[in-house]
Amino acid sequence: MDKRQLEAAIAELKMDYISLQGDIEKLESTGHADSVHKAEQRLAAMEVKLAELNKELQRFS
C-alpha cells in the first residue's frame, strides 16, 4: 500500500470504529449483553488493525 491508500484505510477503519461504538451504546441500553461482548471484541480487533496500519504509515514519515 502506498501512503494515500494507508491513510484512506485508516480513515475508513476509524469511521467503522466510531459507528460500532454507537451500536454498542444502543445494545447496552437495550440489555443485549452477548451482542455487546461480540461488538467489544470487534472493537479490540479494530484497535489492533489501526495500530498495524499506523505503524506501516510511519514508514512514509
Protein backbone atom coordinates (compact mmCIF):
# COMPACT_ATOMS: atom_id res chain seq x y z
CA MET A 1 0.00 0.00 0.00
CA ASP A 2 1.13 3.50 -0.65
CA LYS A 3 0.73 6.37 1.80
CA ARG A 4 -2.58 7.57 0.37
CA GLN A 5 -4.08 4.07 0.48
CA LEU A 6 -2.96 3.63 4.09
CA GLU A 7 -4.46 6.96 5.09
CA ALA A 8 -7.74 6.02 3.41
CA ALA A 9 -7.78 2.61 5.11
CA ILE A 10 -7.12 4.24 8.49
CA ALA A 11 -9.87 6.82 7.95
CA GLU A 12 -12.36 4.12 6.95
CA LEU A 13 -11.47 1.94 9.92
CA LYS A 14 -11.86 4.91 12.27
CA MET A 15 -15.33 5.61 10.87
CA ASP A 16 -16.29 1.95 11.35
CA TYR A 17 -14.90 2.09 14.89
CA ILE A 18 -16.99 5.14 15.77
CA SER A 19 -20.09 3.55 14.27
CA LEU A 20 -19.54 0.37 16.23
CA GLN A 21 -19.12 2.36 19.45
CA GLY A 22 -22.56 3.88 18.83
CA ASP A 23 -24.01 0.44 18.19
CA ILE A 24 -22.56 -0.80 21.47
CA GLU A 25 -24.19 2.07 23.36
CA LYS A 26 -27.55 1.15 21.84
CA LEU A 27 -27.06 -2.54 22.63
CA GLU A 28 -26.10 -1.75 26.22
CA SER A 29 -29.18 0.38 26.72
CA THR A 30 -31.41 -2.45 25.48
CA GLY A 31 -29.72 -5.18 27.53
CA HIS A 32 -28.14 -7.30 24.79
CA ALA A 33 -25.06 -8.46 26.74
CA ASP A 34 -23.96 -11.16 24.26
CA SER A 35 -24.05 -8.75 21.36
CA VAL A 36 -22.17 -6.13 23.39
CA HIS A 37 -19.43 -8.63 24.15
CA LYS A 38 -19.06 -9.60 20.49
CA ALA A 39 -19.01 -5.95 19.43
CA GLU A 40 -16.35 -5.17 22.04
CA GLN A 41 -14.24 -7.99 20.64
CA ARG A 42 -14.61 -6.44 17.18
CA LEU A 43 -13.51 -3.08 18.61
CA ALA A 44 -10.40 -4.71 20.07
CA ALA A 45 -9.58 -6.29 16.70
CA MET A 46 -10.05 -2.90 15.02
CA GLU A 47 -7.66 -1.31 17.52
CA VAL A 48 -5.01 -3.89 16.65
CA LYS A 49 -5.52 -3.28 12.92
CA LEU A 50 -5.34 0.51 13.42
CA ALA A 51 -2.06 0.11 15.29
CA GLU A 52 -0.67 -2.02 12.45
CA LEU A 53 -1.76 0.47 9.80
CA ASN A 54 -0.37 3.43 11.75
CA LYS A 55 2.93 1.62 12.19
CA GLU A 56 3.06 0.94 8.46
CA LEU A 57 2.19 4.60 7.77
CA GLN A 58 5.17 5.71 9.85
CA ARG A 59 7.44 4.20 7.21
CA PHE A 60 6.46 7.11 4.95
CA SER A 61 7.32 9.80 7.51
